[in-house]
Amino acid sequence: MTSIAERLRKVIDSRDDVRDVDVARAIGVSKAAMSDILNGKTKQPKPTNLLQIADFLGLEIRWVISGIGPKTRAEARRDSLDLSDLSDGAKVRIQTIVDAFSEPTLPTNSNNQ
């Protein structure tokens, strides 16, 4: 089983649009504190920090904490849809719409530094 630090590190490293410093700024902690969370030095990160990290990255908090369940909010929404009574074509169209609106978006930095 992976740790919170390993799960978060893997997510951040897999994305081209976010860096450790971006997450640190978004949740209001120093780069050093974020580094400690991501390298596992902080064994039990504050729940509020984990919630903010999950929100910023579009992750499900249950997955962040335990590695169980849907990884992203988009996956959680997709899993919760009951499309069993619809035709296959309707299911595909609805899923396409849900997927389009489920992509996480990052806050824009007006300074663009």
Protein backbone atom coordinates (compact mmCIF):
# COMPACT_ATOMS: atom_id res chain seq x y z
CA MET A 1 0.00 0.00 0.00
CA THR A 2 1.21 3.49 -0.76
CA SER A 3 1.40 6.37 1.68
CA ILE A 4 -0.36 9.72 1.48
CA ALA A 5 2.95 11.28 0.46
CA GLU A 6 3.50 8.72 -2.30
CA ARG A 7 -0.01 9.15 -3.69
CA LEU A 8 0.24 12.95 -3.73
CA ARG A 9 3.75 12.92 -5.20
CA LYS A 10 2.64 10.60 -8.00
CA VAL A 11 -0.34 12.83 -8.87
CA ILE A 12 1.69 16.04 -8.88
CA ASP A 13 4.53 14.47 -10.87
CA SER A 14 2.06 13.17 -13.47
CA ARG A 15 0.67 16.63 -14.18
CA ASP A 16 2.30 19.22 -16.40
CA ASP A 17 0.10 22.04 -15.12
CA VAL A 18 1.02 22.00 -11.43
CA ARG A 19 4.17 22.06 -9.31
CA ASP A 20 4.79 21.60 -5.61
CA VAL A 21 5.04 25.36 -5.16
CA ASP A 22 1.64 25.85 -6.81
CA VAL A 23 0.04 23.49 -4.31
CA ALA A 24 1.87 25.16 -1.42
CA ARG A 25 0.60 28.58 -2.48
CA ALA A 26 -2.94 27.30 -3.01
CA ILE A 27 -3.19 25.88 0.50
CA GLY A 28 -1.21 28.63 2.23
CA VAL A 29 1.86 26.72 3.44
CA SER A 30 5.56 27.26 2.82
CA LYS A 31 7.45 25.38 0.12
CA ALA A 32 9.35 23.61 2.91
CA ALA A 33 6.13 22.48 4.61
CA MET A 34 4.78 21.21 1.28
CA SER A 35 8.05 19.39 0.65
CA ASP A 36 7.77 17.74 4.08
CA ILE A 37 4.26 16.53 3.25
CA LEU A 38 5.29 15.21 -0.17
CA ASN A 39 8.46 13.44 0.97
CA GLY A 40 6.74 11.81 3.94
CA LYS A 41 8.63 13.73 6.60
CA THR A 42 5.29 14.98 7.91
CA LYS A 43 3.81 11.65 8.98
CA GLN A 44 0.32 12.98 9.76
CA PRO A 45 -0.46 16.09 7.71
CA LYS A 46 -3.16 18.35 9.10
CA PRO A 47 -6.61 17.27 7.88
CA THR A 48 -7.33 20.81 6.67
CA ASN A 49 -4.17 20.75 4.53
CA LEU A 50 -5.13 17.39 3.04
CA LEU A 51 -8.63 18.65 2.25
CA GLN A 52 -7.22 21.76 0.56
CA ILE A 53 -4.69 19.72 -1.42
CA ALA A 54 -7.42 17.31 -2.53
CA ASP A 55 -9.66 20.21 -3.58
CA PHE A 56 -6.87 21.96 -5.45
CA LEU A 57 -5.86 18.81 -7.33
CA GLY A 58 -9.42 17.59 -7.94
CA LEU A 59 -8.90 14.47 -5.82
CA GLU A 60 -11.26 12.56 -3.58
CA ILE A 61 -10.15 12.96 0.05
CA ARG A 62 -10.90 9.30 0.84
CA TRP A 63 -8.43 8.25 -1.86
CA VAL A 64 -5.80 10.74 -0.66
CA ILE A 65 -6.01 9.41 2.89
CA SER A 66 -6.43 5.69 2.22
CA GLY A 67 -5.77 4.94 -1.43
CA ILE A 68 -9.26 3.40 -1.58
CA GLY A 69 -12.13 4.43 -3.84
CA PRO A 70 -12.24 6.77 -6.81
CA LYS A 71 -9.08 8.83 -7.18
CA THR A 72 -10.62 11.98 -8.60
CA ARG A 73 -13.87 13.84 -8.14
CA ALA A 74 -14.56 13.21 -11.82
CA GLU A 75 -14.25 9.45 -11.27
CA ALA A 76 -16.51 9.65 -8.20
CA ARG A 77 -19.21 11.49 -10.16
CA ARG A 78 -18.89 9.08 -13.06
CA ASP A 79 -19.20 6.11 -10.71
CA SER A 80 -22.31 7.56 -9.08
CA LEU A 81 -24.31 7.92 -12.30
CA ASP A 82 -27.05 5.35 -12.79
CA LEU A 83 -27.48 5.06 -16.52
CA SER A 84 -28.85 1.52 -16.53
CA ASP A 85 -32.23 2.41 -18.07
CA LEU A 86 -30.78 4.38 -20.97
CA SER A 87 -29.80 3.22 -24.43
CA ASP A 88 -26.10 2.71 -25.12
CA GLY A 89 -26.01 5.79 -27.36
CA ALA A 90 -27.59 7.96 -24.68
CA LYS A 91 -25.13 6.63 -22.08
CA VAL A 92 -22.18 7.55 -24.29
CA ARG A 93 -23.51 11.07 -24.94
CA ILE A 94 -24.21 11.70 -21.26
CA GLN A 95 -20.83 10.34 -20.20
CA THR A 96 -19.10 12.60 -22.74
CA ILE A 97 -20.87 15.64 -21.30
CA VAL A 98 -20.09 14.65 -17.70
CA ASP A 99 -16.43 14.06 -18.57
CA ALA A 100 -16.18 17.47 -20.25
CA PHE A 101 -17.46 19.23 -17.13
CA SER A 102 -15.51 17.05 -14.70
CA GLU A 103 -12.00 18.12 -15.67
CA PRO A 104 -10.32 19.84 -12.71
CA THR A 105 -9.38 23.44 -13.29
CA LEU A 106 -6.63 25.29 -11.57
CA PRO A 107 -7.02 28.83 -10.35
CA THR A 108 -5.40 31.31 -12.66
CA ASN A 109 -2.56 33.47 -11.42
CA SER A 110 -3.16 37.02 -12.59
CA ASN A 111 0.54 37.82 -12.13
CA ASN A 112 1.64 34.93 -14.42
CA GLN A 113 5.01 34.74 -12.72
